[in-house]
PDB file of N, CA and C in Angstrom:
ATOM      1  N   MET A   1      45.897  10.505  20.968  1.00  0.00           N
ATOM      2  CA  MET A   1      45.424  11.854  21.188  1.00  0.00           C
ATOM      3  C   MET A   1      45.753  12.681  19.957  1.00  0.00           C
ATOM      4  N   LYS A   2      44.724  13.167  19.302  1.00  0.00           N
ATOM      5  CA  LYS A   2      44.860  13.956  18.104  1.00  0.00           C
ATOM      6  C   LYS A   2      44.937  15.434  18.467  1.00  0.00           C
ATOM      7  N   PRO A   3      45.934  16.145  17.945  1.00  0.00           N
ATOM      8  CA  PRO A   3      45.979  17.583  18.261  1.00  0.00           C
ATOM      9  C   PRO A   3      44.836  18.305  17.553  1.00  0.00           C
ATOM     10  N   LEU A   4      44.253  19.257  18.244  1.00  0.00           N
ATOM     11  CA  LEU A   4      43.132  20.000  17.704  1.00  0.00           C
ATOM     12  C   LEU A   4      43.615  21.270  17.018  1.00  0.00           C
ATOM     13  N   SER A   5      42.981  21.584  15.900  1.00  0.00           N
ATOM     14  CA  SER A   5      43.306  22.837  15.212  1.00  0.00           C
ATOM     15  C   SER A   5      42.644  23.980  15.979  1.00  0.00           C
ATOM     16  N   PRO A   6      43.107  25.203  15.773  1.00  0.00           N
ATOM     17  CA  PRO A   6      42.478  26.328  16.481  1.00  0.00           C
ATOM     18  C   PRO A   6      40.979  26.469  16.167  1.00  0.00           C
ATOM     19  N   ALA A   7      40.587  26.173  14.947  1.00  0.00           N
ATOM     20  CA  ALA A   7      39.157  26.269  14.590  1.00  0.00           C
ATOM     21  C   ALA A   7      38.350  25.215  15.322  1.00  0.00           C
ATOM     22  N   GLU A   8      38.865  23.984  15.415  1.00  0.00           N
ATOM     23  CA  GLU A   8      38.172  22.923  16.149  1.00  0.00           C
ATOM     24  C   GLU A   8      38.085  23.272  17.629  1.00  0.00           C
ATOM     25  N   ARG A   9      39.163  23.788  18.168  1.00  0.00           N
ATOM     26  CA  ARG A   9      39.199  24.162  19.582  1.00  0.00           C
ATOM     27  C   ARG A   9      38.170  25.266  19.867  1.00  0.00           C
ATOM     28  N   LYS A  10      38.041  26.203  18.956  1.00  0.00           N
ATOM     29  CA  LYS A  10      37.094  27.298  19.119  1.00  0.00           C
ATOM     30  C   LYS A  10      35.653  26.763  19.143  1.00  0.00           C
ATOM     31  N   LEU A  11      35.335  25.837  18.234  1.00  0.00           N
ATOM     32  CA  LEU A  11      33.996  25.250  18.196  1.00  0.00           C
ATOM     33  C   LEU A  11      33.720  24.434  19.474  1.00  0.00           C
ATOM     34  N   LEU A  12      34.721  23.700  19.931  1.00  0.00           N
ATOM     35  CA  LEU A  12      34.538  22.900  21.141  1.00  0.00           C
ATOM     36  C   LEU A  12      34.367  23.770  22.366  1.00  0.00           C
ATOM     37  N   LYS A  13      35.084  24.881  22.426  1.00  0.00           N
ATOM     38  CA  LYS A  13      34.913  25.818  23.550  1.00  0.00           C
ATOM     39  C   LYS A  13      33.490  26.363  23.567  1.00  0.00           C
ATOM     40  N   ALA A  14      32.960  26.671  22.397  1.00  0.00           N
ATOM     41  CA  ALA A  14      31.595  27.183  22.322  1.00  0.00           C
ATOM     42  C   ALA A  14      30.588  26.127  22.785  1.00  0.00           C
ATOM     43  N   ARG A  15      30.805  24.868  22.393  1.00  0.00           N
ATOM     44  CA  ARG A  15      29.922  23.784  22.832  1.00  0.00           C
ATOM     45  C   ARG A  15      30.025  23.550  24.329  1.00  0.00           C
ATOM     46  N   ALA A  16      31.237  23.677  24.874  1.00  0.00           N
ATOM     47  CA  ALA A  16      31.465  23.390  26.288  1.00  0.00           C
ATOM     48  C   ALA A  16      30.922  24.478  27.196  1.00  0.00           C
ATOM     49  N   HIS A  17      30.662  25.641  26.655  1.00  0.00           N
ATOM     50  CA  HIS A  17      30.216  26.756  27.482  1.00  0.00           C
ATOM     51  C   HIS A  17      28.967  26.419  28.285  1.00  0.00           C
ATOM     52  N   ALA A  18      28.020  25.716  27.701  1.00  0.00           N
ATOM     53  CA  ALA A  18      26.761  25.408  28.365  1.00  0.00           C
ATOM     54  C   ALA A  18      26.828  24.151  29.247  1.00  0.00           C
ATOM     55  N   LEU A  19      27.915  23.430  29.202  1.00  0.00           N
ATOM     56  CA  LEU A  19      28.017  22.170  29.955  1.00  0.00           C
ATOM     57  C   LEU A  19      28.295  22.436  31.422  1.00  0.00           C
ATOM     58  N   ARG A  20      27.913  21.468  32.244  1.00  0.00           N
ATOM     59  CA  ARG A  20      28.241  21.484  33.664  1.00  0.00           C
ATOM     60  C   ARG A  20      29.344  20.446  33.908  1.00  0.00           C
ATOM     61  N   PRO A  21      30.166  20.651  34.923  1.00  0.00           N
ATOM     62  CA  PRO A  21      31.199  19.650  35.206  1.00  0.00           C
ATOM     63  C   PRO A  21      30.588  18.285  35.543  1.00  0.00           C
ATOM     64  N   VAL A  22      31.129  17.252  34.917  1.00  0.00           N
ATOM     65  CA  VAL A  22      30.643  15.886  35.091  1.00  0.00           C
ATOM     66  C   VAL A  22      31.395  15.177  36.198  1.00  0.00           C
ATOM     67  N   VAL A  23      32.679  15.458  36.316  1.00  0.00           N
ATOM     68  CA  VAL A  23      33.543  14.795  37.281  1.00  0.00           C
ATOM     69  C   VAL A  23      34.230  15.858  38.126  1.00  0.00           C
ATOM     70  N   SER A  24      34.378  15.580  39.419  1.00  0.00           N
ATOM     71  CA  SER A  24      35.105  16.472  40.320  1.00  0.00           C
ATOM     72  C   SER A  24      36.305  15.756  40.900  1.00  0.00           C
ATOM     73  N   VAL A  25      37.453  16.413  40.818  1.00  0.00           N
ATOM     74  CA  VAL A  25      38.688  15.848  41.380  1.00  0.00           C
ATOM     75  C   VAL A  25      38.875  16.491  42.742  1.00  0.00           C
ATOM     76  N   GLY A  26      38.956  15.648  43.763  1.00  0.00           N
ATOM     77  CA  GLY A  26      39.078  16.150  45.133  1.00  0.00           C
ATOM     78  C   GLY A  26      40.528  16.341  45.536  1.00  0.00           C
ATOM     79  N   ASN A  27      40.739  16.431  46.835  1.00  0.00           N
ATOM     80  CA  ASN A  27      42.085  16.639  47.379  1.00  0.00           C
ATOM     81  C   ASN A  27      42.994  15.438  47.185  1.00  0.00           C
ATOM     82  N   GLU A  28      42.404  14.253  46.994  1.00  0.00           N
ATOM     83  CA  GLU A  28      43.212  13.048  46.827  1.00  0.00           C
ATOM     84  C   GLU A  28      43.870  12.980  45.450  1.00  0.00           C
ATOM     85  N   GLY A  29      43.429  13.802  44.525  1.00  0.00           N
ATOM     86  CA  GLY A  29      44.026  13.810  43.192  1.00  0.00           C
ATOM     87  C   GLY A  29      43.426  12.728  42.301  1.00  0.00           C
ATOM     88  N   LEU A  30      44.191  12.335  41.298  1.00  0.00           N
ATOM     89  CA  LEU A  30      43.724  11.351  40.332  1.00  0.00           C
ATOM     90  C   LEU A  30      43.919   9.946  40.874  1.00  0.00           C
ATOM     91  N   SER A  31      42.845   9.201  40.952  1.00  0.00           N
ATOM     92  CA  SER A  31      42.914   7.797  41.350  1.00  0.00           C
ATOM     93  C   SER A  31      42.459   6.945  40.181  1.00  0.00           C
ATOM     94  N   ALA A  32      42.618   5.639  40.314  1.00  0.00           N
ATOM     95  CA  ALA A  32      42.202   4.733  39.233  1.00  0.00           C
ATOM     96  C   ALA A  32      40.688   4.815  39.021  1.00  0.00           C
ATOM     97  N   ALA A  33      39.932   4.927  40.121  1.00  0.00           N
ATOM     98  CA  ALA A  33      38.470   5.013  40.007  1.00  0.00           C
ATOM     99  C   ALA A  33      38.046   6.311  39.300  1.00  0.00           C
ATOM    100  N   LEU A  34      38.745   7.395  39.608  1.00  0.00           N
ATOM    101  CA  LEU A  34      38.434   8.668  38.994  1.00  0.00           C
ATOM    102  C   LEU A  34      38.743   8.638  37.486  1.00  0.00           C
ATOM    103  N   LEU A  35      39.882   8.054  37.121  1.00  0.00           N
ATOM    104  CA  LEU A  35      40.228   7.944  35.708  1.00  0.00           C
ATOM    105  C   LEU A  35      39.236   7.052  34.961  1.00  0.00           C
ATOM    106  N   LYS A  36      38.743   6.020  35.616  1.00  0.00           N
ATOM    107  CA  LYS A  36      37.737   5.151  35.009  1.00  0.00           C
ATOM    108  C   LYS A  36      36.432   5.923  34.797  1.00  0.00           C
ATOM    109  N   GLU A  37      36.066   6.745  35.759  1.00  0.00           N
ATOM    110  CA  GLU A  37      34.853   7.572  35.635  1.00  0.00           C
ATOM    111  C   GLU A  37      34.979   8.571  34.493  1.00  0.00           C
ATOM    112  N   ILE A  38      36.150   9.165  34.360  1.00  0.00           N
ATOM    113  CA  ILE A  38      36.387  10.095  33.248  1.00  0.00           C
ATOM    114  C   ILE A  38      36.277   9.361  31.927  1.00  0.00           C
ATOM    115  N   ASP A  39      36.854   8.150  31.854  1.00  0.00           N
ATOM    116  CA  ASP A  39      36.784   7.350  30.627  1.00  0.00           C
ATOM    117  C   ASP A  39      35.340   7.001  30.295  1.00  0.00           C
ATOM    118  N   THR A  40      34.568   6.619  31.304  1.00  0.00           N
ATOM    119  CA  THR A  40      33.153   6.300  31.098  1.00  0.00           C
ATOM    120  C   THR A  40      32.385   7.516  30.608  1.00  0.00           C
ATOM    121  N   SER A  41      32.669   8.677  31.176  1.00  0.00           N
ATOM    122  CA  SER A  41      31.998   9.904  30.750  1.00  0.00           C
ATOM    123  C   SER A  41      32.356  10.268  29.327  1.00  0.00           C
ATOM    124  N   LEU A  42      33.609  10.047  28.950  1.00  0.00           N
ATOM    125  CA  LEU A  42      34.034  10.345  27.579  1.00  0.00           C
ATOM    126  C   LEU A  42      33.436   9.364  26.571  1.00  0.00           C
ATOM    127  N   LYS A  43      33.129   8.143  27.013  1.00  0.00           N
ATOM    128  CA  LYS A  43      32.448   7.203  26.118  1.00  0.00           C
ATOM    129  C   LYS A  43      31.026   7.646  25.856  1.00  0.00           C
ATOM    130  N   ALA A  44      30.375   8.197  26.882  1.00  0.00           N
ATOM    131  CA  ALA A  44      29.005   8.637  26.744  1.00  0.00           C
ATOM    132  C   ALA A  44      28.900   9.992  26.048  1.00  0.00           C
ATOM    133  N   HIS A  45      29.805  10.882  26.369  1.00  0.00           N
ATOM    134  CA  HIS A  45      29.812  12.240  25.796  1.00  0.00           C
ATOM    135  C   HIS A  45      31.215  12.502  25.291  1.00  0.00           C
ATOM    136  N   ASP A  46      31.320  13.083  24.123  1.00  0.00           N
ATOM    137  CA  ASP A  46      32.656  13.326  23.568  1.00  0.00           C
ATOM    138  C   ASP A  46      33.356  14.523  24.211  1.00  0.00           C
ATOM    139  N   LEU A  47      32.596  15.405  24.821  1.00  0.00           N
ATOM    140  CA  LEU A  47      33.142  16.628  25.416  1.00  0.00           C
ATOM    141  C   LEU A  47      32.666  16.726  26.854  1.00  0.00           C
ATOM    142  N   ILE A  48      33.608  16.839  27.806  1.00  0.00           N
ATOM    143  CA  ILE A  48      33.213  16.939  29.221  1.00  0.00           C
ATOM    144  C   ILE A  48      34.000  18.023  29.929  1.00  0.00           C
ATOM    145  N   LYS A  49      33.421  18.480  31.030  1.00  0.00           N
ATOM    146  CA  LYS A  49      34.090  19.414  31.930  1.00  0.00           C
ATOM    147  C   LYS A  49      34.454  18.667  33.197  1.00  0.00           C
ATOM    148  N   ILE A  50      35.622  19.013  33.748  1.00  0.00           N
ATOM    149  CA  ILE A  50      36.093  18.408  34.980  1.00  0.00           C
ATOM    150  C   ILE A  50      36.437  19.533  35.951  1.00  0.00           C
ATOM    151  N   ARG A  51      35.891  19.450  37.154  1.00  0.00           N
ATOM    152  CA  ARG A  51      36.207  20.446  38.186  1.00  0.00           C
ATOM    153  C   ARG A  51      37.337  19.913  39.059  1.00  0.00           C
ATOM    154  N   VAL A  52      38.350  20.735  39.276  1.00  0.00           N
ATOM    155  CA  VAL A  52      39.512  20.345  40.074  1.00  0.00           C
ATOM    156  C   VAL A  52      39.623  21.263  41.273  1.00  0.00           C
ATOM    157  N   SER A  53      39.726  20.674  42.461  1.00  0.00           N
ATOM    158  CA  SER A  53      39.942  21.514  43.640  1.00  0.00           C
ATOM    159  C   SER A  53      41.438  21.698  43.834  1.00  0.00           C
ATOM    160  N   GLY A  54      41.793  22.739  44.475  1.00  0.00           N
ATOM    161  CA  GLY A  54      43.220  23.040  44.706  1.00  0.00           C
ATOM    162  C   GLY A  54      43.582  24.373  44.066  1.00  0.00           C
ATOM    163  N   ASP A  55      44.552  25.031  44.632  1.00  0.00           N
ATOM    164  CA  ASP A  55      44.907  26.362  44.170  1.00  0.00           C
ATOM    165  C   ASP A  55      46.146  26.411  43.285  1.00  0.00           C
ATOM    166  N   ASP A  56      46.843  25.322  43.141  1.00  0.00           N
ATOM    167  CA  ASP A  56      48.094  25.313  42.382  1.00  0.00           C
ATOM    168  C   ASP A  56      47.812  25.118  40.889  1.00  0.00           C
ATOM    169  N   ARG A  57      48.068  26.164  40.098  1.00  0.00           N
ATOM    170  CA  ARG A  57      47.798  26.128  38.662  1.00  0.00           C
ATOM    171  C   ARG A  57      48.656  25.081  37.948  1.00  0.00           C
ATOM    172  N   GLU A  58      49.931  24.986  38.320  1.00  0.00           N
ATOM    173  CA  GLU A  58      50.821  24.025  37.668  1.00  0.00           C
ATOM    174  C   GLU A  58      50.348  22.599  37.920  1.00  0.00           C
ATOM    175  N   GLN A  59      49.845  22.370  39.108  1.00  0.00           N
ATOM    176  CA  GLN A  59      49.341  21.033  39.442  1.00  0.00           C
ATOM    177  C   GLN A  59      48.117  20.703  38.594  1.00  0.00           C
ATOM    178  N   ARG A  60      47.238  21.677  38.399  1.00  0.00           N
ATOM    179  CA  ARG A  60      46.053  21.449  37.550  1.00  0.00           C
ATOM    180  C   ARG A  60      46.455  21.196  36.105  1.00  0.00           C
ATOM    181  N   GLU A  61      47.437  21.917  35.606  1.00  0.00           N
ATOM    182  CA  GLU A  61      47.906  21.685  34.232  1.00  0.00           C
ATOM    183  C   GLU A  61      48.534  20.303  34.087  1.00  0.00           C
ATOM    184  N   ALA A  62      49.290  19.874  35.097  1.00  0.00           N
ATOM    185  CA  ALA A  62      49.862  18.536  35.076  1.00  0.00           C
ATOM    186  C   ALA A  62      48.757  17.485  35.111  1.00  0.00           C
ATOM    187  N   MET A  63      47.714  17.751  35.900  1.00  0.00           N
ATOM    188  CA  MET A  63      46.584  16.848  35.996  1.00  0.00           C
ATOM    189  C   MET A  63      45.863  16.753  34.647  1.00  0.00           C
ATOM    190  N   LEU A  64      45.706  17.877  33.969  1.00  0.00           N
ATOM    191  CA  LEU A  64      45.073  17.895  32.643  1.00  0.00           C
ATOM    192  C   LEU A  64      45.883  17.049  31.661  1.00  0.00           C
ATOM    193  N   GLY A  65      47.193  17.181  31.696  1.00  0.00           N
ATOM    194  CA  GLY A  65      48.045  16.380  30.828  1.00  0.00           C
ATOM    195  C   GLY A  65      47.939  14.902  31.121  1.00  0.00           C
ATOM    196  N   LYS A  66      47.897  14.551  32.400  1.00  0.00           N
ATOM    197  CA  LYS A  66      47.805  13.139  32.788  1.00  0.00           C
ATOM    198  C   LYS A  66      46.448  12.557  32.401  1.00  0.00           C
ATOM    199  N   ILE A  67      45.384  13.323  32.589  1.00  0.00           N
ATOM    200  CA  ILE A  67      44.038  12.871  32.212  1.00  0.00           C
ATOM    201  C   ILE A  67      43.980  12.615  30.716  1.00  0.00           C
ATOM    202  N   CYS A  68      44.494  13.544  29.933  1.00  0.00           N
ATOM    203  CA  CYS A  68      44.456  13.401  28.482  1.00  0.00           C
ATOM    204  C   CYS A  68      45.308  12.217  28.019  1.00  0.00           C
ATOM    205  N   GLU A  69      46.434  12.018  28.659  1.00  0.00           N
ATOM    206  CA  GLU A  69      47.307  10.906  28.306  1.00  0.00           C
ATOM    207  C   GLU A  69      46.656   9.575  28.631  1.00  0.00           C
ATOM    208  N   GLN A  70      46.080   9.443  29.826  1.00  0.00           N
ATOM    209  CA  GLN A  70      45.462   8.200  30.260  1.00  0.00           C
ATOM    210  C   GLN A  70      44.192   7.878  29.470  1.00  0.00           C
ATOM    211  N   ALA A  71      43.408   8.912  29.146  1.00  0.00           N
ATOM    212  CA  ALA A  71      42.115   8.690  28.482  1.00  0.00           C
ATOM    213  C   ALA A  71      42.206   8.748  26.964  1.00  0.00           C
ATOM    214  N   GLY A  72      43.359   9.156  26.432  1.00  0.00           N
ATOM    215  CA  GLY A  72      43.481   9.279  24.980  1.00  0.00           C
ATOM    216  C   GLY A  72      42.651  10.433  24.453  1.00  0.00           C
ATOM    217  N   ALA A  73      42.581  11.502  25.223  1.00  0.00           N
ATOM    218  CA  ALA A  73      41.746  12.652  24.869  1.00  0.00           C
ATOM    219  C   ALA A  73      42.630  13.849  24.528  1.00  0.00           C
ATOM    220  N   SER A  74      41.981  14.903  24.079  1.00  0.00           N
ATOM    221  CA  SER A  74      42.680  16.149  23.752  1.00  0.00           C
ATOM    222  C   SER A  74      42.233  17.244  24.685  1.00  0.00           C
ATOM    223  N   PRO A  75      43.174  18.039  25.213  1.00  0.00           N
ATOM    224  CA  PRO A  75      42.779  19.166  26.058  1.00  0.00           C
ATOM    225  C   PRO A  75      42.188  20.273  25.201  1.00  0.00           C
ATOM    226  N   VAL A  76      41.080  20.835  25.664  1.00  0.00           N
ATOM    227  CA  VAL A  76      40.429  21.924  24.939  1.00  0.00           C
ATOM    228  C   VAL A  76      40.673  23.237  25.637  1.00  0.00           C
ATOM    229  N   GLN A  77      40.452  23.254  26.965  1.00  0.00           N
ATOM    230  CA  GLN A  77      40.504  24.528  27.676  1.00  0.00           C
ATOM    231  C   GLN A  77      40.810  24.276  29.143  1.00  0.00           C
ATOM    232  N   HIS A  78      41.478  25.256  29.751  1.00  0.00           N
ATOM    233  CA  HIS A  78      41.768  25.220  31.192  1.00  0.00           C
ATOM    234  C   HIS A  78      41.517  26.627  31.702  1.00  0.00           C
ATOM    235  N   ILE A  79      40.378  26.815  32.336  1.00  0.00           N
ATOM    236  CA  ILE A  79      40.039  28.119  32.886  1.00  0.00           C
ATOM    237  C   ILE A  79      39.799  27.943  34.368  1.00  0.00           C
ATOM    238  N   GLY A  80      40.626  28.567  35.186  1.00  0.00           N
ATOM    239  CA  GLY A  80      40.474  28.466  36.623  1.00  0.00           C
ATOM    240  C   GLY A  80      40.575  27.033  37.067  1.00  0.00           C
ATOM    241  N   LYS A  81      39.539  26.560  37.726  1.00  0.00           N
ATOM    242  CA  LYS A  81      39.543  25.191  38.238  1.00  0.00           C
ATOM    243  C   LYS A  81      38.733  24.244  37.358  1.00  0.00           C
ATOM    244  N   ILE A  82      38.402  24.668  36.147  1.00  0.00           N
ATOM    245  CA  ILE A  82      37.636  23.859  35.207  1.00  0.00           C
ATOM    246  C   ILE A  82      38.519  23.432  34.055  1.00  0.00           C
ATOM    247  N   LEU A  83      38.507  22.124  33.775  1.00  0.00           N
ATOM    248  CA  LEU A  83      39.231  21.564  32.641  1.00  0.00           C
ATOM    249  C   LEU A  83      38.214  21.046  31.635  1.00  0.00           C
ATOM    250  N   VAL A  84      38.447  21.293  30.370  1.00  0.00           N
ATOM    251  CA  VAL A  84      37.569  20.804  29.313  1.00  0.00           C
ATOM    252  C   VAL A  84      38.373  19.825  28.467  1.00  0.00           C
ATOM    253  N   VAL A  85      37.822  18.624  28.301  1.00  0.00           N
ATOM    254  CA  VAL A  85      38.524  17.535  27.621  1.00  0.00           C
ATOM    255  C   VAL A  85      37.616  16.984  26.517  1.00  0.00           C
ATOM    256  N   TYR A  86      38.233  16.646  25.369  1.00  0.00           N
ATOM    257  CA  TYR A  86      37.491  16.119  24.224  1.00  0.00           C
ATOM    258  C   TYR A  86      38.124  14.839  23.724  1.00  0.00           C
ATOM    259  N   ARG A  87      37.278  13.845  23.454  1.00  0.00           N
ATOM    260  CA  ARG A  87      37.725  12.623  22.806  1.00  0.00           C
ATOM    261  C   ARG A  87      36.654  12.212  21.816  1.00  0.00           C
ATOM    262  N   GLU A  88      37.067  12.024  20.585  1.00  0.00           N
ATOM    263  CA  GLU A  88      36.131  11.677  19.524  1.00  0.00           C
ATOM    264  C   GLU A  88      35.550  10.290  19.788  1.00  0.00           C
ATOM    265  N   ILE A  89      34.239  10.170  19.640  1.00  0.00           N
ATOM    266  CA  ILE A  89      33.582   8.886  19.805  1.00  0.00           C
ATOM    267  C   ILE A  89      33.685   8.143  18.487  1.00  0.00           C
ATOM    268  N   PRO A  90      34.262   6.923  18.509  1.00  0.00           N
ATOM    269  CA  PRO A  90      34.366   6.182  17.251  1.00  0.00           C
ATOM    270  C   PRO A  90      33.002   5.768  16.754  1.00  0.00           C
ATOM    271  N   GLU A  91      32.821   5.867  15.433  1.00  0.00           N
ATOM    272  CA  GLU A  91      31.550   5.486  14.848  1.00  0.00           C
ATOM    273  C   GLU A  91      31.463   3.964  14.827  1.00  0.00           C
ATOM    274  N   PRO A  92      30.291   3.409  15.120  1.00  0.00           N
ATOM    275  CA  PRO A  92      30.170   1.947  15.107  1.00  0.00           C
ATOM    276  C   PRO A  92      30.334   1.422  13.676  1.00  0.00           C
ATOM    277  N   ALA A  93      30.889   0.224  13.580  1.00  0.00           N
ATOM    278  CA  ALA A  93      31.099  -0.375  12.264  1.00  0.00           C
ATOM    279  C   ALA A  93      29.740  -0.651  11.626  1.00  0.00           C
ATOM    280  N   ALA A  94      29.681  -0.392  10.333  1.00  0.00           N
ATOM    281  CA  ALA A  94      28.424  -0.589   9.614  1.00  0.00           C
ATOM    282  C   ALA A  94      28.166  -2.088   9.487  1.00  0.00           C
ATOM    283  N   SER A  95      27.055  -2.527  10.029  1.00  0.00           N
ATOM    284  CA  SER A  95      26.693  -3.937   9.948  1.00  0.00           C
ATOM    285  C   SER A  95      25.794  -4.143   8.740  1.00  0.00           C
ATOM    286  N   ALA A  96      25.568  -5.383   8.396  1.00  0.00           N
ATOM    287  CA  ALA A  96      24.716  -5.692   7.257  1.00  0.00           C
ATOM    288  C   ALA A  96      23.302  -5.201   7.564  1.00  0.00           C
ATOM    289  N   PRO A  97      22.630  -4.649   6.562  1.00  0.00           N
ATOM    290  CA  PRO A  97      21.276  -4.146   6.822  1.00  0.00           C
ATOM    291  C   PRO A  97      20.344  -5.285   7.192  1.00  0.00           C
ATOM    292  N   LYS A  98      19.456  -4.994   8.095  1.00  0.00           N
ATOM    293  CA  LYS A  98      18.504  -6.011   8.548  1.00  0.00           C
ATOM    294  C   LYS A  98      17.448  -6.211   7.472  1.00  0.00           C
ATOM    295  N   LYS A  99      17.119  -7.479   7.217  1.00  0.00           N
ATOM    296  CA  LYS A  99      16.093  -7.772   6.235  1.00  0.00           C
ATOM    297  C   LYS A  99      14.738  -7.739   6.934  1.00  0.00           C
ATOM    298  N   ARG A 100      13.820  -7.109   6.266  1.00  0.00           N
ATOM    299  CA  ARG A 100      12.469  -7.047   6.794  1.00  0.00           C
ATOM    300  C   ARG A 100      11.738  -8.318   6.361  1.00  0.00           C
ATOM    301  N   PRO A 101      10.890  -8.838   7.202  1.00  0.00           N
ATOM    302  CA  PRO A 101      10.147 -10.031   6.804  1.00  0.00           C
ATOM    303  C   PRO A 101       9.210  -9.696   5.641  1.00  0.00           C
ATOM    304  N   ALA A 102       8.962 -10.680   4.796  1.00  0.00           N
ATOM    305  CA  ALA A 102       8.075 -10.478   3.655  1.00  0.00           C
ATOM    306  C   ALA A 102       6.680 -10.154   4.168  1.00  0.00           C
ATOM    307  N   ARG A 103       6.039  -9.218   3.507  1.00  0.00           N
ATOM    308  CA  ARG A 103       4.702  -8.803   3.915  1.00  0.00           C
ATOM    309  C   ARG A 103       3.677  -9.767   3.330  1.00  0.00           C
ATOM    310  N   LYS A 104       2.746 -10.124   4.116  1.00  0.00           N
ATOM    311  CA  LYS A 104       1.655 -10.963   3.634  1.00  0.00           C
ATOM    312  C   LYS A 104       0.708 -10.103   2.796  1.00  0.00           C
ATOM    313  N   GLN A 105       0.065 -10.736   1.861  1.00  0.00           N
ATOM    314  CA  GLN A 105      -0.926 -10.020   1.074  1.00  0.00           C
ATOM    315  C   GLN A 105      -2.117  -9.708   1.978  1.00  0.00           C
ATOM    316  N   PRO A 106      -2.619  -8.512   1.887  1.00  0.00           N
ATOM    317  CA  PRO A 106      -3.746  -8.153   2.748  1.00  0.00           C
ATOM    318  C   PRO A 106      -4.989  -8.962   2.365  1.00  0.00           C
ATOM    319  N   ARG A 107      -5.766  -9.283   3.351  1.00  0.00           N
ATOM    320  CA  ARG A 107      -7.013 -10.005   3.083  1.00  0.00           C
ATOM    321  C   ARG A 107      -8.006  -9.055   2.453  1.00  0.00           C
ATOM    322  N   ARG A 108      -8.689  -9.556   1.469  1.00  0.00           N
ATOM    323  CA  ARG A 108      -9.691  -8.721   0.828  1.00  0.00           C
ATOM    324  C   ARG A 108     -10.979  -8.828   1.633  1.00  0.00           C
ATOM    325  N   PRO A 109     -11.628  -7.705   1.845  1.00  0.00           N
ATOM    326  CA  PRO A 109     -12.894  -7.768   2.604  1.00  0.00           C
ATOM    327  C   PRO A 109     -13.957  -8.501   1.799  1.00  0.00           C
ATOM    328  N   LYS A 110     -14.986  -8.921   2.469  1.00  0.00           N
ATOM    329  CA  LYS A 110     -16.051  -9.690   1.874  1.00  0.00           C
ATOM    330  C   LYS A 110     -16.701  -8.953   0.711  1.00  0.00           C
ATOM    331  N   ARG A 111     -16.842  -7.670   0.819  1.00  0.00           N
ATOM    332  CA  ARG A 111     -17.490  -6.877  -0.221  1.00  0.00           C
ATOM    333  C   ARG A 111     -16.765  -6.953  -1.562  1.00  0.00           C
ATOM    334  N   SER A 112     -15.467  -7.081  -1.534  1.00  0.00           N
ATOM    335  CA  SER A 112     -14.745  -7.060  -2.789  1.00  0.00           C
ATOM    336  C   SER A 112     -15.054  -8.295  -3.651  1.00  0.00           C
ATOM    337  N   TYR A 113     -15.559  -9.368  -3.043  1.00  0.00           N
ATOM    338  CA  TYR A 113     -15.901 -10.561  -3.809  1.00  0.00           C
ATOM    339  C   TYR A 113     -17.284 -10.428  -4.465  1.00  0.00           C
ATOM    340  N   GLN A 114     -18.119  -9.590  -3.959  1.00  0.00           N
ATOM    341  CA  GLN A 114     -19.500  -9.500  -4.434  1.00  0.00           C
ATOM    342  C   GLN A 114     -19.597  -8.903  -5.823  1.00  0.00           C
ATOM    343  N   GLY A 115     -18.688  -8.001  -6.187  1.00  0.00           N
ATOM    344  CA  GLY A 115     -18.793  -7.335  -7.478  1.00  0.00           C
ATOM    345  C   GLY A 115     -18.274  -8.191  -8.622  1.00  0.00           C
ATOM    346  N   GLU A 116     -17.668  -9.274  -8.384  1.00  0.00           N
ATOM    347  CA  GLU A 116     -17.058 -10.060  -9.460  1.00  0.00           C
ATOM    348  C   GLU A 116     -17.939 -11.099 -10.011  1.00  0.00           C
TER     349      GLU A 116
END
């Protein structure tokens, strides 16, 4: 988990503003299936919103810490019952460029032979 600078956090907050929550945490709290779903969402999107039910703010902050620890993500924002989490998507390793097949010489139309 890489700590975010204030400038990075500000840009991520702006990006997250238009997002809808992808995952909802119910009364049962964090389960293995829920953490797997969060991980899958972070693989697809680098920035996600998570909706948490419950009225205890300290519990939500602890949940944010546990989510970030388990997923290897960075916390961006915690407003009310919405948590915003960011994890950088690793760039795929550059593979060898694909070779294009050799192009065949175009066939000359019949007319082109008549002038010679």
